[in-house]
PDB file of N, CA and C in Angstrom:
ATOM      1  N   MET A   1      37.761  96.286 105.744  1.00  0.00           N
ATOM      2  CA  MET A   1      38.335  95.449 104.721  1.00  0.00           C
ATOM      3  C   MET A   1      38.819  96.338 103.574  1.00  0.00           C
ATOM      4  N   ASN A   2      39.913  95.930 102.985  1.00  0.00           N
ATOM      5  CA  ASN A   2      40.550  96.698 101.931  1.00  0.00           C
ATOM      6  C   ASN A   2      39.855  96.440 100.605  1.00  0.00           C
ATOM      7  N   HIS A   3      39.704  97.499  99.794  1.00  0.00           N
ATOM      8  CA  HIS A   3      39.044  97.402  98.500  1.00  0.00           C
ATOM      9  C   HIS A   3      39.784  96.449  97.559  1.00  0.00           C
ATOM     10  N   TYR A   4      41.139  96.457  97.651  1.00  0.00           N
ATOM     11  CA  TYR A   4      41.944  95.605  96.767  1.00  0.00           C
ATOM     12  C   TYR A   4      41.780  94.128  97.100  1.00  0.00           C
ATOM     13  N   GLN A   5      41.562  93.835  98.362  1.00  0.00           N
ATOM     14  CA  GLN A   5      41.427  92.440  98.760  1.00  0.00           C
ATOM     15  C   GLN A   5      40.071  91.869  98.326  1.00  0.00           C
ATOM     16  N   THR A   6      39.100  92.695  98.169  1.00  0.00           N
ATOM     17  CA  THR A   6      37.766  92.218  97.798  1.00  0.00           C
ATOM     18  C   THR A   6      37.536  92.231  96.297  1.00  0.00           C
ATOM     19  N   ASN A   7      38.419  92.905  95.547  1.00  0.00           N
ATOM     20  CA  ASN A   7      38.269  92.981  94.103  1.00  0.00           C
ATOM     21  C   ASN A   7      38.736  91.669  93.485  1.00  0.00           C
ATOM     22  N   SER A   8      37.819  90.984  92.807  1.00  0.00           N
ATOM     23  CA  SER A   8      38.146  89.673  92.253  1.00  0.00           C
ATOM     24  C   SER A   8      39.006  89.775  90.995  1.00  0.00           C
ATOM     25  N   TYR A   9      39.130  90.961  90.402  1.00  0.00           N
ATOM     26  CA  TYR A   9      39.918  91.132  89.187  1.00  0.00           C
ATOM     27  C   TYR A   9      41.400  91.443  89.461  1.00  0.00           C
ATOM     28  N   LEU A  10      41.700  91.782  90.701  1.00  0.00           N
ATOM     29  CA  LEU A  10      43.087  92.098  91.062  1.00  0.00           C
ATOM     30  C   LEU A  10      43.709  90.925  91.806  1.00  0.00           C
ATOM     31  N   ASN A  11      44.925  90.580  91.385  1.00  0.00           N
ATOM     32  CA  ASN A  11      45.697  89.553  92.078  1.00  0.00           C
ATOM     33  C   ASN A  11      46.771  90.297  92.870  1.00  0.00           C
ATOM     34  N   VAL A  12      46.516  90.487  94.157  1.00  0.00           N
ATOM     35  CA  VAL A  12      47.377  91.290  95.004  1.00  0.00           C
ATOM     36  C   VAL A  12      48.760  90.667  95.143  1.00  0.00           C
ATOM     37  N   SER A  13      48.823  89.366  95.264  1.00  0.00           N
ATOM     38  CA  SER A  13      50.130  88.726  95.430  1.00  0.00           C
ATOM     39  C   SER A  13      50.968  88.882  94.151  1.00  0.00           C
ATOM     40  N   ALA A  14      50.341  88.852  92.985  1.00  0.00           N
ATOM     41  CA  ALA A  14      51.070  89.047  91.728  1.00  0.00           C
ATOM     42  C   ALA A  14      51.562  90.490  91.625  1.00  0.00           C
ATOM     43  N   LEU A  15      50.730  91.443  92.033  1.00  0.00           N
ATOM     44  CA  LEU A  15      51.145  92.842  92.026  1.00  0.00           C
ATOM     45  C   LEU A  15      52.300  93.071  93.005  1.00  0.00           C
ATOM     46  N   ASP A  16      52.203  92.459  94.165  1.00  0.00           N
ATOM     47  CA  ASP A  16      53.249  92.584  95.170  1.00  0.00           C
ATOM     48  C   ASP A  16      54.559  91.977  94.660  1.00  0.00           C
ATOM     49  N   GLN A  17      54.457  90.831  94.019  1.00  0.00           N
ATOM     50  CA  GLN A  17      55.629  90.172  93.459  1.00  0.00           C
ATOM     51  C   GLN A  17      56.276  91.045  92.355  1.00  0.00           C
ATOM     52  N   GLY A  18      55.463  91.626  91.508  1.00  0.00           N
ATOM     53  CA  GLY A  18      55.961  92.506  90.456  1.00  0.00           C
ATOM     54  C   GLY A  18      56.648  93.730  91.023  1.00  0.00           C
ATOM     55  N   PHE A  19      56.084  94.279  92.087  1.00  0.00           N
ATOM     56  CA  PHE A  19      56.683  95.443  92.742  1.00  0.00           C
ATOM     57  C   PHE A  19      58.050  95.091  93.331  1.00  0.00           C
ATOM     58  N   LYS A  20      58.124  93.923  93.980  1.00  0.00           N
ATOM     59  CA  LYS A  20      59.398  93.487  94.561  1.00  0.00           C
ATOM     60  C   LYS A  20      60.454  93.278  93.478  1.00  0.00           C
ATOM     61  N   GLU A  21      60.073  92.714  92.371  1.00  0.00           N
ATOM     62  CA  GLU A  21      61.011  92.497  91.261  1.00  0.00           C
ATOM     63  C   GLU A  21      61.498  93.828  90.684  1.00  0.00           C
ATOM     64  N   ALA A  22      60.601  94.805  90.588  1.00  0.00           N
ATOM     65  CA  ALA A  22      60.986  96.128  90.090  1.00  0.00           C
ATOM     66  C   ALA A  22      61.975  96.793  91.050  1.00  0.00           C
ATOM     67  N   GLN A  23      61.738  96.645  92.348  1.00  0.00           N
ATOM     68  CA  GLN A  23      62.657  97.199  93.342  1.00  0.00           C
ATOM     69  C   GLN A  23      64.039  96.541  93.241  1.00  0.00           C
ATOM     70  N   LYS A  24      64.058  95.236  93.071  1.00  0.00           N
ATOM     71  CA  LYS A  24      65.323  94.515  92.943  1.00  0.00           C
ATOM     72  C   LYS A  24      66.091  94.983  91.702  1.00  0.00           C
ATOM     73  N   ALA A  25      65.386  95.197  90.610  1.00  0.00           N
ATOM     74  CA  ALA A  25      66.025  95.673  89.380  1.00  0.00           C
ATOM     75  C   ALA A  25      66.625  97.061  89.594  1.00  0.00           C
ATOM     76  N   GLN A  26      65.897  97.933  90.287  1.00  0.00           N
ATOM     77  CA  GLN A  26      66.408  99.270  90.580  1.00  0.00           C
ATOM     78  C   GLN A  26      67.653  99.199  91.471  1.00  0.00           C
ATOM     79  N   GLU A  27      67.631  98.305  92.450  1.00  0.00           N
ATOM     80  CA  GLU A  27      68.779  98.149  93.339  1.00  0.00           C
ATOM     81  C   GLU A  27      70.000  97.651  92.566  1.00  0.00           C
ATOM     82  N   ARG A  28      69.793  96.708  91.643  1.00  0.00           N
ATOM     83  CA  ARG A  28      70.901  96.200  90.829  1.00  0.00           C
ATOM     84  C   ARG A  28      71.513  97.324  89.989  1.00  0.00           C
ATOM     85  N   LEU A  29      70.666  98.146  89.396  1.00  0.00           N
ATOM     86  CA  LEU A  29      71.160  99.278  88.600  1.00  0.00           C
ATOM     87  C   LEU A  29      71.924 100.275  89.464  1.00  0.00           C
ATOM     88  N   ALA A  30      71.426 100.530  90.656  1.00  0.00           N
ATOM     89  CA  ALA A  30      72.106 101.461  91.560  1.00  0.00           C
ATOM     90  C   ALA A  30      73.481 100.919  91.951  1.00  0.00           C
ATOM     91  N   ILE A  31      73.571  99.639  92.250  1.00  0.00           N
ATOM     92  CA  ILE A  31      74.845  99.019  92.620  1.00  0.00           C
ATOM     93  C   ILE A  31      75.819  99.072  91.442  1.00  0.00           C
ATOM     94  N   LYS A  32      75.343  98.768  90.236  1.00  0.00           N
ATOM     95  CA  LYS A  32      76.210  98.833  89.049  1.00  0.00           C
ATOM     96  C   LYS A  32      76.721 100.251  88.835  1.00  0.00           C
ATOM     97  N   SER A  33      75.874 101.236  89.034  1.00  0.00           N
ATOM     98  CA  SER A  33      76.286 102.634  88.859  1.00  0.00           C
ATOM     99  C   SER A  33      77.355 103.025  89.874  1.00  0.00           C
ATOM    100  N   ILE A  34      77.182 102.596  91.109  1.00  0.00           N
ATOM    101  CA  ILE A  34      78.172 102.892  92.152  1.00  0.00           C
ATOM    102  C   ILE A  34      79.506 102.244  91.800  1.00  0.00           C
ATOM    103  N   LEU A  35      79.471 100.986  91.375  1.00  0.00           N
ATOM    104  CA  LEU A  35      80.705 100.285  91.014  1.00  0.00           C
ATOM    105  C   LEU A  35      81.400 100.935  89.820  1.00  0.00           C
ATOM    106  N   MET A  36      80.635 101.365  88.842  1.00  0.00           N
ATOM    107  CA  MET A  36      81.223 102.019  87.673  1.00  0.00           C
ATOM    108  C   MET A  36      81.879 103.343  88.063  1.00  0.00           C
ATOM    109  N   ALA A  37      81.240 104.090  88.959  1.00  0.00           N
ATOM    110  CA  ALA A  37      81.810 105.356  89.414  1.00  0.00           C
ATOM    111  C   ALA A  37      83.116 105.123  90.173  1.00  0.00           C
ATOM    112  N   LYS A  38      83.135 104.117  91.036  1.00  0.00           N
ATOM    113  CA  LYS A  38      84.358 103.798  91.790  1.00  0.00           C
ATOM    114  C   LYS A  38      85.469 103.348  90.851  1.00  0.00           C
ATOM    115  N   GLU A  39      85.126 102.543  89.857  1.00  0.00           N
ATOM    116  CA  GLU A  39      86.110 102.063  88.889  1.00  0.00           C
ATOM    117  C   GLU A  39      86.710 103.231  88.095  1.00  0.00           C
ATOM    118  N   ALA A  40      85.869 104.172  87.695  1.00  0.00           N
ATOM    119  CA  ALA A  40      86.353 105.341  86.958  1.00  0.00           C
ATOM    120  C   ALA A  40      87.287 106.179  87.835  1.00  0.00           C
ATOM    121  N   LYS A  41      86.956 106.317  89.106  1.00  0.00           N
ATOM    122  CA  LYS A  41      87.796 107.083  90.028  1.00  0.00           C
ATOM    123  C   LYS A  41      89.156 106.408  90.196  1.00  0.00           C
ATOM    124  N   ILE A  42      89.155 105.092  90.322  1.00  0.00           N
ATOM    125  CA  ILE A  42      90.408 104.349  90.475  1.00  0.00           C
ATOM    126  C   ILE A  42      91.256 104.467  89.215  1.00  0.00           C
ATOM    127  N   LYS A  43      90.632 104.394  88.050  1.00  0.00           N
ATOM    128  CA  LYS A  43      91.379 104.531  86.793  1.00  0.00           C
ATOM    129  C   LYS A  43      92.004 105.913  86.677  1.00  0.00           C
ATOM    130  N   SER A  44      91.282 106.944  87.090  1.00  0.00           N
ATOM    131  CA  SER A  44      91.843 108.299  87.015  1.00  0.00           C
ATOM    132  C   SER A  44      93.001 108.456  88.001  1.00  0.00           C
ATOM    133  N   GLN A  45      92.892 107.847  89.173  1.00  0.00           N
ATOM    134  CA  GLN A  45      93.988 107.881  90.136  1.00  0.00           C
ATOM    135  C   GLN A  45      95.208 107.140  89.583  1.00  0.00           C
ATOM    136  N   ASN A  46      94.972 106.027  88.901  1.00  0.00           N
ATOM    137  CA  ASN A  46      96.064 105.263  88.300  1.00  0.00           C
ATOM    138  C   ASN A  46      96.779 106.106  87.243  1.00  0.00           C
ATOM    139  N   THR A  47      96.021 106.815  86.426  1.00  0.00           N
ATOM    140  CA  THR A  47      96.609 107.659  85.386  1.00  0.00           C
ATOM    141  C   THR A  47      97.462 108.764  86.010  1.00  0.00           C
ATOM    142  N   ALA A  48      96.936 109.403  87.027  1.00  0.00           N
ATOM    143  CA  ALA A  48      97.676 110.483  87.693  1.00  0.00           C
ATOM    144  C   ALA A  48      98.944 109.941  88.355  1.00  0.00           C
ATOM    145  N   LEU A  49      98.828 108.795  89.000  1.00  0.00           N
ATOM    146  CA  LEU A  49      99.985 108.214  89.677  1.00  0.00           C
ATOM    147  C   LEU A  49     101.044 107.763  88.676  1.00  0.00           C
ATOM    148  N   THR A  50     100.619 107.200  87.562  1.00  0.00           N
ATOM    149  CA  THR A  50     101.561 106.770  86.529  1.00  0.00           C
ATOM    150  C   THR A  50     102.344 107.961  85.992  1.00  0.00           C
ATOM    151  N   THR A  51     101.681 109.076  85.790  1.00  0.00           N
ATOM    152  CA  THR A  51     102.350 110.298  85.331  1.00  0.00           C
ATOM    153  C   THR A  51     103.377 110.765  86.358  1.00  0.00           C
ATOM    154  N   GLN A  52     103.006 110.752  87.626  1.00  0.00           N
ATOM    155  CA  GLN A  52     103.929 111.165  88.681  1.00  0.00           C
ATOM    156  C   GLN A  52     105.128 110.220  88.767  1.00  0.00           C
ATOM    157  N   LEU A  53     104.870 108.928  88.623  1.00  0.00           N
ATOM    158  CA  LEU A  53     105.957 107.955  88.697  1.00  0.00           C
ATOM    159  C   LEU A  53     106.934 108.102  87.530  1.00  0.00           C
ATOM    160  N   LYS A  54     106.413 108.411  86.341  1.00  0.00           N
ATOM    161  CA  LYS A  54     107.289 108.627  85.188  1.00  0.00           C
ATOM    162  C   LYS A  54     108.186 109.843  85.417  1.00  0.00           C
ATOM    163  N   ALA A  55     107.612 110.899  85.972  1.00  0.00           N
ATOM    164  CA  ALA A  55     108.399 112.105  86.263  1.00  0.00           C
ATOM    165  C   ALA A  55     109.472 111.800  87.312  1.00  0.00           C
ATOM    166  N   GLN A  56     109.111 111.056  88.326  1.00  0.00           N
ATOM    167  CA  GLN A  56     110.064 110.701  89.378  1.00  0.00           C
ATOM    168  C   GLN A  56     111.165 109.793  88.826  1.00  0.00           C
ATOM    169  N   LYS A  57     110.799 108.882  87.942  1.00  0.00           N
ATOM    170  CA  LYS A  57     111.779 107.982  87.317  1.00  0.00           C
ATOM    171  C   LYS A  57     112.804 108.786  86.520  1.00  0.00           C
ATOM    172  N   THR A  58     112.324 109.787  85.787  1.00  0.00           N
ATOM    173  CA  THR A  58     113.223 110.648  85.018  1.00  0.00           C
ATOM    174  C   THR A  58     114.167 111.401  85.942  1.00  0.00           C
ATOM    175  N   LYS A  59     113.638 111.950  87.040  1.00  0.00           N
ATOM    176  CA  LYS A  59     114.476 112.671  88.003  1.00  0.00           C
ATOM    177  C   LYS A  59     115.546 111.751  88.587  1.00  0.00           C
ATOM    178  N   MET A  60     115.140 110.540  88.945  1.00  0.00           N
ATOM    179  CA  MET A  60     116.085 109.597  89.551  1.00  0.00           C
ATOM    180  C   MET A  60     117.157 109.176  88.552  1.00  0.00           C
ATOM    181  N   SER A  61     116.754 108.954  87.318  1.00  0.00           N
ATOM    182  CA  SER A  61     117.722 108.574  86.285  1.00  0.00           C
ATOM    183  C   SER A  61     118.724 109.689  86.037  1.00  0.00           C
ATOM    184  N   ASP A  62     118.226 110.914  85.956  1.00  0.00           N
ATOM    185  CA  ASP A  62     119.113 112.065  85.762  1.00  0.00           C
ATOM    186  C   ASP A  62     120.073 112.227  86.934  1.00  0.00           C
ATOM    187  N   PHE A  63     119.552 112.073  88.138  1.00  0.00           N
ATOM    188  CA  PHE A  63     120.389 112.200  89.336  1.00  0.00           C
ATOM    189  C   PHE A  63     121.483 111.131  89.325  1.00  0.00           C
ATOM    190  N   ALA A  64     121.100 109.908  89.049  1.00  0.00           N
ATOM    191  CA  ALA A  64     122.081 108.806  89.055  1.00  0.00           C
ATOM    192  C   ALA A  64     123.096 108.974  87.929  1.00  0.00           C
ATOM    193  N   GLY A  65     122.643 109.455  86.792  1.00  0.00           N
ATOM    194  CA  GLY A  65     123.533 109.584  85.649  1.00  0.00           C
ATOM    195  C   GLY A  65     124.480 110.754  85.724  1.00  0.00           C
ATOM    196  N   LYS A  66     124.112 111.785  86.445  1.00  0.00           N
ATOM    197  CA  LYS A  66     124.943 112.995  86.484  1.00  0.00           C
ATOM    198  C   LYS A  66     125.559 113.220  87.866  1.00  0.00           C
ATOM    199  N   THR A  67     124.732 113.360  88.858  1.00  0.00           N
ATOM    200  CA  THR A  67     125.207 113.724  90.193  1.00  0.00           C
ATOM    201  C   THR A  67     126.071 112.621  90.796  1.00  0.00           C
ATOM    202  N   VAL A  68     125.598 111.392  90.734  1.00  0.00           N
ATOM    203  CA  VAL A  68     126.359 110.286  91.333  1.00  0.00           C
ATOM    204  C   VAL A  68     127.684 110.104  90.606  1.00  0.00           C
ATOM    205  N   VAL A  69     127.655 110.188  89.283  1.00  0.00           N
ATOM    206  CA  VAL A  69     128.890 110.055  88.502  1.00  0.00           C
ATOM    207  C   VAL A  69     129.882 111.157  88.866  1.00  0.00           C
ATOM    208  N   SER A  70     129.403 112.381  88.953  1.00  0.00           N
ATOM    209  CA  SER A  70     130.317 113.487  89.281  1.00  0.00           C
ATOM    210  C   SER A  70     130.837 113.370  90.713  1.00  0.00           C
ATOM    211  N   ASN A  71     130.011 112.882  91.633  1.00  0.00           N
ATOM    212  CA  ASN A  71     130.465 112.697  93.012  1.00  0.00           C
ATOM    213  C   ASN A  71     131.536 111.610  93.102  1.00  0.00           C
ATOM    214  N   PHE A  72     131.366 110.539  92.367  1.00  0.00           N
ATOM    215  CA  PHE A  72     132.392 109.501  92.340  1.00  0.00           C
ATOM    216  C   PHE A  72     133.684 110.050  91.747  1.00  0.00           C
ATOM    217  N   LYS A  73     133.531 110.815  90.694  1.00  0.00           N
ATOM    218  CA  LYS A  73     134.708 111.372  90.016  1.00  0.00           C
ATOM    219  C   LYS A  73     135.480 112.294  90.961  1.00  0.00           C
ATOM    220  N   GLU A  74     134.758 113.050  91.777  1.00  0.00           N
ATOM    221  CA  GLU A  74     135.406 113.951  92.729  1.00  0.00           C
ATOM    222  C   GLU A  74     136.061 113.183  93.868  1.00  0.00           C
ATOM    223  N   GLY A  75     135.468 112.083  94.262  1.00  0.00           N
ATOM    224  CA  GLY A  75     135.983 111.313  95.395  1.00  0.00           C
ATOM    225  C   GLY A  75     137.131 110.399  95.027  1.00  0.00           C
ATOM    226  N   LEU A  76     137.235 110.059  93.782  1.00  0.00           N
ATOM    227  CA  LEU A  76     138.298 109.159  93.340  1.00  0.00           C
ATOM    228  C   LEU A  76     139.277 109.930  92.454  1.00  0.00           C
ATOM    229  N   THR A  77     140.452 109.377  92.289  1.00  0.00           N
ATOM    230  CA  THR A  77     141.452 110.035  91.451  1.00  0.00           C
ATOM    231  C   THR A  77     142.030 109.048  90.451  1.00  0.00           C
ATOM    232  N   GLY A  78     142.566 109.592  89.400  1.00  0.00           N
ATOM    233  CA  GLY A  78     143.282 108.790  88.412  1.00  0.00           C
ATOM    234  C   GLY A  78     142.400 107.826  87.662  1.00  0.00           C
ATOM    235  N   LYS A  79     142.954 106.631  87.429  1.00  0.00           N
ATOM    236  CA  LYS A  79     142.250 105.631  86.621  1.00  0.00           C
ATOM    237  C   LYS A  79     141.003 105.095  87.311  1.00  0.00           C
ATOM    238  N   SER A  80     141.017 105.059  88.633  1.00  0.00           N
ATOM    239  CA  SER A  80     139.826 104.582  89.347  1.00  0.00           C
ATOM    240  C   SER A  80     138.652 105.533  89.127  1.00  0.00           C
ATOM    241  N   ALA A  81     138.923 106.832  89.071  1.00  0.00           N
ATOM    242  CA  ALA A  81     137.869 107.811  88.794  1.00  0.00           C
ATOM    243  C   ALA A  81     137.345 107.652  87.378  1.00  0.00           C
ATOM    244  N   GLU A  82     138.254 107.442  86.438  1.00  0.00           N
ATOM    245  CA  GLU A  82     137.836 107.241  85.050  1.00  0.00           C
ATOM    246  C   GLU A  82     137.034 105.952  84.896  1.00  0.00           C
ATOM    247  N   ALA A  83     137.497 104.889  85.557  1.00  0.00           N
ATOM    248  CA  ALA A  83     136.797 103.607  85.476  1.00  0.00           C
ATOM    249  C   ALA A  83     135.400 103.712  86.092  1.00  0.00           C
ATOM    250  N   ALA A  84     135.298 104.370  87.241  1.00  0.00           N
ATOM    251  CA  ALA A  84     133.985 104.545  87.892  1.00  0.00           C
ATOM    252  C   ALA A  84     133.060 105.368  87.012  1.00  0.00           C
ATOM    253  N   GLU A  85     133.588 106.430  86.436  1.00  0.00           N
ATOM    254  CA  GLU A  85     132.774 107.280  85.561  1.00  0.00           C
ATOM    255  C   GLU A  85     132.295 106.506  84.336  1.00  0.00           C
ATOM    256  N   THR A  86     133.210 105.778  83.709  1.00  0.00           N
ATOM    257  CA  THR A  86     132.857 104.996  82.514  1.00  0.00           C
ATOM    258  C   THR A  86     131.825 103.932  82.851  1.00  0.00           C
ATOM    259  N   HIS A  87     132.039 103.244  83.977  1.00  0.00           N
ATOM    260  CA  HIS A  87     131.112 102.175  84.367  1.00  0.00           C
ATOM    261  C   HIS A  87     129.723 102.727  84.687  1.00  0.00           C
ATOM    262  N   LEU A  88     129.682 103.779  85.471  1.00  0.00           N
ATOM    263  CA  LEU A  88     128.389 104.354  85.851  1.00  0.00           C
ATOM    264  C   LEU A  88     127.689 105.006  84.668  1.00  0.00           C
ATOM    265  N   ALA A  89     128.437 105.599  83.785  1.00  0.00           N
ATOM    266  CA  ALA A  89     127.838 106.255  82.620  1.00  0.00           C
ATOM    267  C   ALA A  89     127.338 105.228  81.612  1.00  0.00           C
ATOM    268  N   SER A  90     128.016 104.080  81.525  1.00  0.00           N
ATOM    269  CA  SER A  90     127.611 103.075  80.543  1.00  0.00           C
ATOM    270  C   SER A  90     126.373 102.313  80.988  1.00  0.00           C
ATOM    271  N   LYS A  91     126.176 102.196  82.275  1.00  0.00           N
ATOM    272  CA  LYS A  91     125.001 101.485  82.792  1.00  0.00           C
ATOM    273  C   LYS A  91     123.953 102.516  83.171  1.00  0.00           C
ATOM    274  N   LYS A  92     122.989 102.650  82.336  1.00  0.00           N
ATOM    275  CA  LYS A  92     121.916 103.622  82.573  1.00  0.00           C
ATOM    276  C   LYS A  92     121.045 103.127  83.720  1.00  0.00           C
ATOM    277  N   PHE A  93     120.957 103.925  84.764  1.00  0.00           N
ATOM    278  CA  PHE A  93     120.134 103.579  85.917  1.00  0.00           C
ATOM    279  C   PHE A  93     118.665 103.795  85.562  1.00  0.00           C
ATOM    280  N   GLU A  94     117.888 102.749  85.629  1.00  0.00           N
ATOM    281  CA  GLU A  94     116.456 102.813  85.337  1.00  0.00           C
ATOM    282  C   GLU A  94     115.677 102.246  86.512  1.00  0.00           C
ATOM    283  N   PRO A  95     115.146 103.093  87.368  1.00  0.00           N
ATOM    284  CA  PRO A  95     114.341 102.567  88.473  1.00  0.00           C
ATOM    285  C   PRO A  95     113.053 101.941  87.942  1.00  0.00           C
ATOM    286  N   ASN A  96     112.600 100.937  88.626  1.00  0.00           N
ATOM    287  CA  ASN A  96     111.382 100.225  88.227  1.00  0.00           C
ATOM    288  C   ASN A  96     110.242 100.692  89.125  1.00  0.00           C
ATOM    289  N   LEU A  97     109.627 101.783  88.764  1.00  0.00           N
ATOM    290  CA  LEU A  97     108.534 102.343  89.541  1.00  0.00           C
ATOM    291  C   LEU A  97     107.221 101.997  88.870  1.00  0.00           C
ATOM    292  N   LYS A  98     106.447 101.147  89.526  1.00  0.00           N
ATOM    293  CA  LYS A  98     105.165 100.729  88.965  1.00  0.00           C
ATOM    294  C   LYS A  98     104.037 101.150  89.910  1.00  0.00           C
ATOM    295  N   SER A  99     102.941 101.478  89.321  1.00  0.00           N
ATOM    296  CA  SER A  99     101.772 101.874  90.094  1.00  0.00           C
ATOM    297  C   SER A  99     101.176 100.639  90.791  1.00  0.00           C
ATOM    298  N   PRO A 100     100.871 100.741  92.064  1.00  0.00           N
ATOM    299  CA  PRO A 100     100.227  99.620  92.746  1.00  0.00           C
ATOM    300  C   PRO A 100      98.747  99.494  92.382  1.00  0.00           C
ATOM    301  N   ILE A 101      98.231 100.509  91.721  1.00  0.00           N
ATOM    302  CA  ILE A 101      96.817 100.487  91.304  1.00  0.00           C
ATOM    303  C   ILE A 101      96.710  99.733  89.999  1.00  0.00           C
ATOM    304  N   LYS A 102      95.870  98.766  89.964  1.00  0.00           N
ATOM    305  CA  LYS A 102      95.694  97.952  88.739  1.00  0.00           C
ATOM    306  C   LYS A 102      94.407  98.317  88.052  1.00  0.00           C
TER     307      LYS A 102
END
């Protein structure tokens, strides 16, 4: 027979219940910590991706504003070339690059 079961001053079921509650609290804290770490990782990935997308947007805008305009100008002649250049230069190409990470 176990000493704890024969001791009239100890309530084994209450001790067991307290132990289970302490374990549950530790598990909740561990889960919260894991979720916070994952959230921080996702936020850092979002920041890095947003920076890359801004750089790519700038490259695309520059390409559309300069290279495409000059290519049209070379391919067309006379007033059509001037009209294409004026139209393309007046409408600033702005790609809409958004991060899929929220």
